[in-house]
Amino acid sequence: MSGVAVKPDGDGPTWFRSSYSAGNGGECVEIAPWQGLTHVRDSKNPAGPALRLGPHAWTAFVDFAARHAC
């Protein structure tokens, strides 16, 4: 996994920000593989809600994103 590790939230997962993120406050997501799920959150709102995706849903999301990348 390529990216920048973000300080863990207590005993929670370690979040990773995309290496494509320029750090300029753009539209970025962070992911955290943890407890068999992939957690996804908005990097600008780390205290906000996070999606939790199982392996099949995460694979489908990544495949879709790769096909529809700008």
PDB file of N, CA and C in Angstrom:
ATOM      1  N   MET A   1       0.846  -1.171   0.000  1.00  0.00           N
ATOM      2  CA  MET A   1       0.000   0.000   0.000  1.00  0.00           C
ATOM      3  C   MET A   1       0.890   1.232   0.000  1.00  0.00           C
ATOM      4  N   SER A   2       0.617   2.111  -0.913  1.00  0.00           N
ATOM      5  CA  SER A   2       1.400   3.331  -1.019  1.00  0.00           C
ATOM      6  C   SER A   2       0.652   4.455  -0.327  1.00  0.00           C
ATOM      7  N   GLY A   3       1.375   5.272   0.379  1.00  0.00           N
ATOM      8  CA  GLY A   3       0.723   6.399   1.022  1.00  0.00           C
ATOM      9  C   GLY A   3       1.459   6.823   2.269  1.00  0.00           C
ATOM     10  N   VAL A   4       0.836   7.731   2.998  1.00  0.00           N
ATOM     11  CA  VAL A   4       1.415   8.282   4.213  1.00  0.00           C
ATOM     12  C   VAL A   4       0.593   7.803   5.400  1.00  0.00           C
ATOM     13  N   ALA A   5       1.243   7.201   6.384  1.00  0.00           N
ATOM     14  CA  ALA A   5       0.538   6.735   7.575  1.00  0.00           C
ATOM     15  C   ALA A   5       0.130   7.934   8.417  1.00  0.00           C
ATOM     16  N   VAL A   6      -1.086   7.881   8.910  1.00  0.00           N
ATOM     17  CA  VAL A   6      -1.628   8.931   9.763  1.00  0.00           C
ATOM     18  C   VAL A   6      -1.732   8.371  11.168  1.00  0.00           C
ATOM     19  N   LYS A   7      -1.365   9.161  12.158  1.00  0.00           N
ATOM     20  CA  LYS A   7      -1.354   8.730  13.551  1.00  0.00           C
ATOM     21  C   LYS A   7      -2.641   7.980  13.909  1.00  0.00           C
ATOM     22  N   PRO A   8      -2.504   6.819  14.530  1.00  0.00           N
ATOM     23  CA  PRO A   8      -3.693   6.059  14.925  1.00  0.00           C
ATOM     24  C   PRO A   8      -4.560   6.842  15.906  1.00  0.00           C
ATOM     25  N   ASP A   9      -5.844   6.571  15.861  1.00  0.00           N
ATOM     26  CA  ASP A   9      -6.801   7.181  16.778  1.00  0.00           C
ATOM     27  C   ASP A   9      -6.944   6.269  18.001  1.00  0.00           C
ATOM     28  N   GLY A  10      -6.132   6.475  19.020  1.00  0.00           N
ATOM     29  CA  GLY A  10      -6.199   5.632  20.220  1.00  0.00           C
ATOM     30  C   GLY A  10      -5.833   4.204  19.895  1.00  0.00           C
ATOM     31  N   ASP A  11      -6.732   3.283  20.225  1.00  0.00           N
ATOM     32  CA  ASP A  11      -6.508   1.864  19.947  1.00  0.00           C
ATOM     33  C   ASP A  11      -7.063   1.457  18.588  1.00  0.00           C
ATOM     34  N   GLY A  12      -7.463   2.435  17.814  1.00  0.00           N
ATOM     35  CA  GLY A  12      -8.082   2.165  16.523  1.00  0.00           C
ATOM     36  C   GLY A  12      -7.066   1.897  15.433  1.00  0.00           C
ATOM     37  N   PRO A  13      -7.541   1.930  14.212  1.00  0.00           N
ATOM     38  CA  PRO A  13      -6.693   1.601  13.059  1.00  0.00           C
ATOM     39  C   PRO A  13      -5.676   2.699  12.744  1.00  0.00           C
ATOM     40  N   THR A  14      -4.657   2.327  11.994  1.00  0.00           N
ATOM     41  CA  THR A  14      -3.718   3.300  11.439  1.00  0.00           C
ATOM     42  C   THR A  14      -4.242   3.689  10.065  1.00  0.00           C
ATOM     43  N   TRP A  15      -4.430   4.973   9.872  1.00  0.00           N
ATOM     44  CA  TRP A  15      -4.990   5.487   8.631  1.00  0.00           C
ATOM     45  C   TRP A  15      -3.882   5.809   7.641  1.00  0.00           C
ATOM     46  N   PHE A  16      -4.159   5.606   6.354  1.00  0.00           N
ATOM     47  CA  PHE A  16      -3.216   5.894   5.286  1.00  0.00           C
ATOM     48  C   PHE A  16      -3.854   6.855   4.295  1.00  0.00           C
ATOM     49  N   ARG A  17      -3.110   7.890   3.940  1.00  0.00           N
ATOM     50  CA  ARG A  17      -3.555   8.871   2.956  1.00  0.00           C
ATOM     51  C   ARG A  17      -2.845   8.562   1.646  1.00  0.00           C
ATOM     52  N   SER A  18      -3.522   8.720   0.563  1.00  0.00           N
ATOM     53  CA  SER A  18      -2.972   8.433  -0.754  1.00  0.00           C
ATOM     54  C   SER A  18      -1.673   9.193  -1.002  1.00  0.00           C
ATOM     55  N   SER A  19      -0.731   8.540  -1.646  1.00  0.00           N
ATOM     56  CA  SER A  19       0.513   9.208  -2.031  1.00  0.00           C
ATOM     57  C   SER A  19       0.246  10.241  -3.121  1.00  0.00           C
ATOM     58  N   TYR A  20      -0.934  10.195  -3.741  1.00  0.00           N
ATOM     59  CA  TYR A  20      -1.308  11.188  -4.747  1.00  0.00           C
ATOM     60  C   TYR A  20      -1.823  12.472  -4.116  1.00  0.00           C
ATOM     61  N   SER A  21      -2.056  12.445  -2.815  1.00  0.00           N
ATOM     62  CA  SER A  21      -2.539  13.633  -2.121  1.00  0.00           C
ATOM     63  C   SER A  21      -1.411  14.647  -2.020  1.00  0.00           C
ATOM     64  N   ALA A  22      -1.681  15.858  -2.457  1.00  0.00           N
ATOM     65  CA  ALA A  22      -0.653  16.896  -2.442  1.00  0.00           C
ATOM     66  C   ALA A  22      -0.583  17.595  -1.093  1.00  0.00           C
ATOM     67  N   GLY A  23      -1.496  17.268  -0.185  1.00  0.00           N
ATOM     68  CA  GLY A  23      -1.490  17.912   1.112  1.00  0.00           C
ATOM     69  C   GLY A  23      -1.963  19.351   1.064  1.00  0.00           C
ATOM     70  N   ASN A  24      -2.662  19.716  -0.005  1.00  0.00           N
ATOM     71  CA  ASN A  24      -3.104  21.093  -0.160  1.00  0.00           C
ATOM     72  C   ASN A  24      -4.584  21.279   0.189  1.00  0.00           C
ATOM     73  N   GLY A  25      -5.165  20.340   0.940  1.00  0.00           N
ATOM     74  CA  GLY A  25      -6.557  20.474   1.348  1.00  0.00           C
ATOM     75  C   GLY A  25      -7.541  20.069   0.273  1.00  0.00           C
ATOM     76  N   GLY A  26      -7.079  19.344  -0.729  1.00  0.00           N
ATOM     77  CA  GLY A  26      -7.964  18.889  -1.795  1.00  0.00           C
ATOM     78  C   GLY A  26      -8.872  17.764  -1.334  1.00  0.00           C
ATOM     79  N   GLU A  27      -9.515  17.159  -2.274  1.00  0.00           N
ATOM     80  CA  GLU A  27     -10.439  16.079  -1.970  1.00  0.00           C
ATOM     81  C   GLU A  27      -9.656  14.776  -1.815  1.00  0.00           C
ATOM     82  N   CYS A  28      -9.455  14.344  -0.598  1.00  0.00           N
ATOM     83  CA  CYS A  28      -8.688  13.137  -0.327  1.00  0.00           C
ATOM     84  C   CYS A  28      -9.447  12.232   0.627  1.00  0.00           C
ATOM     85  N   VAL A  29      -9.168  10.971   0.517  1.00  0.00           N
ATOM     86  CA  VAL A  29      -9.706  10.016   1.468  1.00  0.00           C
ATOM     87  C   VAL A  29      -8.544   9.329   2.158  1.00  0.00           C
ATOM     88  N   GLU A  30      -8.826   8.783   3.308  1.00  0.00           N
ATOM     89  CA  GLU A  30      -7.865   7.962   4.030  1.00  0.00           C
ATOM     90  C   GLU A  30      -8.494   6.588   4.194  1.00  0.00           C
ATOM     91  N   ILE A  31      -7.652   5.562   4.185  1.00  0.00           N
ATOM     92  CA  ILE A  31      -8.147   4.209   4.410  1.00  0.00           C
ATOM     93  C   ILE A  31      -7.378   3.578   5.557  1.00  0.00           C
ATOM     94  N   ALA A  32      -8.020   2.612   6.179  1.00  0.00           N
ATOM     95  CA  ALA A  32      -7.402   1.880   7.274  1.00  0.00           C
ATOM     96  C   ALA A  32      -7.887   0.434   7.243  1.00  0.00           C
ATOM     97  N   PRO A  33      -7.047  -0.490   6.792  1.00  0.00           N
ATOM     98  CA  PRO A  33      -7.416  -1.898   6.906  1.00  0.00           C
ATOM     99  C   PRO A  33      -7.362  -2.291   8.379  1.00  0.00           C
ATOM    100  N   TRP A  34      -8.474  -2.809   8.905  1.00  0.00           N
ATOM    101  CA  TRP A  34      -8.527  -3.113  10.341  1.00  0.00           C
ATOM    102  C   TRP A  34      -9.669  -4.068  10.615  1.00  0.00           C
ATOM    103  N   GLN A  35      -9.393  -5.089  11.360  1.00  0.00           N
ATOM    104  CA  GLN A  35     -10.366  -6.085  11.798  1.00  0.00           C
ATOM    105  C   GLN A  35     -11.150  -6.687  10.627  1.00  0.00           C
ATOM    106  N   GLY A  36     -10.452  -6.969   9.521  1.00  0.00           N
ATOM    107  CA  GLY A  36     -11.060  -7.634   8.380  1.00  0.00           C
ATOM    108  C   GLY A  36     -11.867  -6.729   7.464  1.00  0.00           C
ATOM    109  N   LEU A  37     -11.896  -5.429   7.756  1.00  0.00           N
ATOM    110  CA  LEU A  37     -12.634  -4.473   6.944  1.00  0.00           C
ATOM    111  C   LEU A  37     -11.688  -3.372   6.476  1.00  0.00           C
ATOM    112  N   THR A  38     -12.083  -2.660   5.438  1.00  0.00           N
ATOM    113  CA  THR A  38     -11.351  -1.469   5.020  1.00  0.00           C
ATOM    114  C   THR A  38     -12.205  -0.274   5.390  1.00  0.00           C
ATOM    115  N   HIS A  39     -11.667   0.563   6.254  1.00  0.00           N
ATOM    116  CA  HIS A  39     -12.365   1.762   6.711  1.00  0.00           C
ATOM    117  C   HIS A  39     -11.943   2.914   5.805  1.00  0.00           C
ATOM    118  N   VAL A  40     -12.897   3.747   5.418  1.00  0.00           N
ATOM    119  CA  VAL A  40     -12.647   4.862   4.504  1.00  0.00           C
ATOM    120  C   VAL A  40     -13.246   6.121   5.125  1.00  0.00           C
ATOM    121  N   ARG A  41     -12.445   7.201   5.172  1.00  0.00           N
ATOM    122  CA  ARG A  41     -12.955   8.457   5.728  1.00  0.00           C
ATOM    123  C   ARG A  41     -12.411   9.643   4.944  1.00  0.00           C
ATOM    124  N   ASP A  42     -13.042  10.780   5.150  1.00  0.00           N
ATOM    125  CA  ASP A  42     -12.635  12.047   4.531  1.00  0.00           C
ATOM    126  C   ASP A  42     -11.431  12.576   5.305  1.00  0.00           C
ATOM    127  N   SER A  43     -10.330  12.834   4.625  1.00  0.00           N
ATOM    128  CA  SER A  43      -9.119  13.288   5.310  1.00  0.00           C
ATOM    129  C   SER A  43      -9.300  14.661   5.945  1.00  0.00           C
ATOM    130  N   LYS A  44     -10.250  15.452   5.439  1.00  0.00           N
ATOM    131  CA  LYS A  44     -10.479  16.780   6.011  1.00  0.00           C
ATOM    132  C   LYS A  44     -11.365  16.729   7.248  1.00  0.00           C
ATOM    133  N   ASN A  45     -11.976  15.569   7.521  1.00  0.00           N
ATOM    134  CA  ASN A  45     -12.869  15.415   8.662  1.00  0.00           C
ATOM    135  C   ASN A  45     -12.612  14.076   9.350  1.00  0.00           C
ATOM    136  N   PRO A  46     -11.435  13.910   9.944  1.00  0.00           N
ATOM    137  CA  PRO A  46     -11.094  12.609  10.518  1.00  0.00           C
ATOM    138  C   PRO A  46     -11.995  12.183  11.675  1.00  0.00           C
ATOM    139  N   ALA A  47     -12.656  13.112  12.328  1.00  0.00           N
ATOM    140  CA  ALA A  47     -13.564  12.754  13.415  1.00  0.00           C
ATOM    141  C   ALA A  47     -14.964  12.425  12.902  1.00  0.00           C
ATOM    142  N   GLY A  48     -15.183  12.631  11.613  1.00  0.00           N
ATOM    143  CA  GLY A  48     -16.492  12.392  11.023  1.00  0.00           C
ATOM    144  C   GLY A  48     -16.734  10.914  10.765  1.00  0.00           C
ATOM    145  N   PRO A  49     -17.805  10.620  10.055  1.00  0.00           N
ATOM    146  CA  PRO A  49     -18.159   9.221   9.789  1.00  0.00           C
ATOM    147  C   PRO A  49     -17.147   8.532   8.877  1.00  0.00           C
ATOM    148  N   ALA A  50     -17.102   7.229   8.987  1.00  0.00           N
ATOM    149  CA  ALA A  50     -16.237   6.423   8.127  1.00  0.00           C
ATOM    150  C   ALA A  50     -17.058   5.273   7.560  1.00  0.00           C
ATOM    151  N   LEU A  51     -16.802   4.962   6.306  1.00  0.00           N
ATOM    152  CA  LEU A  51     -17.404   3.777   5.705  1.00  0.00           C
ATOM    153  C   LEU A  51     -16.606   2.563   6.137  1.00  0.00           C
ATOM    154  N   ARG A  52     -17.267   1.447   6.288  1.00  0.00           N
ATOM    155  CA  ARG A  52     -16.584   0.182   6.576  1.00  0.00           C
ATOM    156  C   ARG A  52     -16.981  -0.802   5.495  1.00  0.00           C
ATOM    157  N   LEU A  53     -15.987  -1.233   4.716  1.00  0.00           N
ATOM    158  CA  LEU A  53     -16.243  -2.098   3.576  1.00  0.00           C
ATOM    159  C   LEU A  53     -15.603  -3.463   3.771  1.00  0.00           C
ATOM    160  N   GLY A  54     -16.373  -4.505   3.479  1.00  0.00           N
ATOM    161  CA  GLY A  54     -15.829  -5.860   3.496  1.00  0.00           C
ATOM    162  C   GLY A  54     -14.932  -6.066   2.286  1.00  0.00           C
ATOM    163  N   PRO A  55     -14.237  -7.189   2.230  1.00  0.00           N
ATOM    164  CA  PRO A  55     -13.280  -7.431   1.138  1.00  0.00           C
ATOM    165  C   PRO A  55     -13.888  -7.321  -0.258  1.00  0.00           C
ATOM    166  N   HIS A  56     -15.063  -7.881  -0.470  1.00  0.00           N
ATOM    167  CA  HIS A  56     -15.671  -7.839  -1.802  1.00  0.00           C
ATOM    168  C   HIS A  56     -16.097  -6.419  -2.179  1.00  0.00           C
ATOM    169  N   ALA A  57     -16.674  -5.695  -1.229  1.00  0.00           N
ATOM    170  CA  ALA A  57     -17.094  -4.315  -1.498  1.00  0.00           C
ATOM    171  C   ALA A  57     -15.878  -3.425  -1.763  1.00  0.00           C
ATOM    172  N   TRP A  58     -14.796  -3.618  -1.007  1.00  0.00           N
ATOM    173  CA  TRP A  58     -13.585  -2.818  -1.213  1.00  0.00           C
ATOM    174  C   TRP A  58     -12.996  -3.087  -2.594  1.00  0.00           C
ATOM    175  N   THR A  59     -12.928  -4.350  -3.002  1.00  0.00           N
ATOM    176  CA  THR A  59     -12.404  -4.703  -4.322  1.00  0.00           C
ATOM    177  C   THR A  59     -13.257  -4.078  -5.415  1.00  0.00           C
ATOM    178  N   ALA A  60     -14.572  -4.129  -5.270  1.00  0.00           N
ATOM    179  CA  ALA A  60     -15.463  -3.522  -6.263  1.00  0.00           C
ATOM    180  C   ALA A  60     -15.257  -2.015  -6.329  1.00  0.00           C
ATOM    181  N   PHE A  61     -15.090  -1.370  -5.170  1.00  0.00           N
ATOM    182  CA  PHE A  61     -14.855   0.077  -5.127  1.00  0.00           C
ATOM    183  C   PHE A  61     -13.561   0.439  -5.842  1.00  0.00           C
ATOM    184  N   VAL A  62     -12.476  -0.273  -5.548  1.00  0.00           N
ATOM    185  CA  VAL A  62     -11.184   0.018  -6.180  1.00  0.00           C
ATOM    186  C   VAL A  62     -11.250  -0.222  -7.683  1.00  0.00           C
ATOM    187  N   ASP A  63     -11.888  -1.315  -8.091  1.00  0.00           N
ATOM    188  CA  ASP A  63     -12.027  -1.587  -9.535  1.00  0.00           C
ATOM    189  C   ASP A  63     -12.809  -0.473 -10.223  1.00  0.00           C
ATOM    190  N   PHE A  64     -13.910  -0.052  -9.614  1.00  0.00           N
ATOM    191  CA  PHE A  64     -14.719   1.030 -10.191  1.00  0.00           C
ATOM    192  C   PHE A  64     -13.902   2.322 -10.286  1.00  0.00           C
ATOM    193  N   ALA A  65     -13.209   2.665  -9.220  1.00  0.00           N
ATOM    194  CA  ALA A  65     -12.409   3.898  -9.208  1.00  0.00           C
ATOM    195  C   ALA A  65     -11.316   3.857 -10.268  1.00  0.00           C
ATOM    196  N   ALA A  66     -10.696   2.716 -10.446  1.00  0.00           N
ATOM    197  CA  ALA A  66      -9.631   2.598 -11.445  1.00  0.00           C
ATOM    198  C   ALA A  66     -10.171   2.780 -12.867  1.00  0.00           C
ATOM    199  N   ARG A  67     -11.367   2.288 -13.114  1.00  0.00           N
ATOM    200  CA  ARG A  67     -11.964   2.410 -14.454  1.00  0.00           C
ATOM    201  C   ARG A  67     -12.474   3.815 -14.729  1.00  0.00           C
ATOM    202  N   HIS A  68     -12.793   4.570 -13.678  1.00  0.00           N
ATOM    203  CA  HIS A  68     -13.407   5.888 -13.867  1.00  0.00           C
ATOM    204  C   HIS A  68     -12.510   7.031 -13.384  1.00  0.00           C
ATOM    205  N   ALA A  69     -11.228   6.772 -13.277  1.00  0.00           N
ATOM    206  CA  ALA A  69     -10.281   7.816 -12.820  1.00  0.00           C
ATOM    207  C   ALA A  69     -10.199   8.918 -13.869  1.00  0.00           C
ATOM    208  N   CYS A  70     -10.018  10.114 -13.381  1.00  0.00           N
ATOM    209  CA  CYS A  70      -9.912  11.293 -14.279  1.00  0.00           C
ATOM    210  C   CYS A  70      -8.588  11.310 -14.990  1.00  0.00           C
TER     211      CYS A  70
END
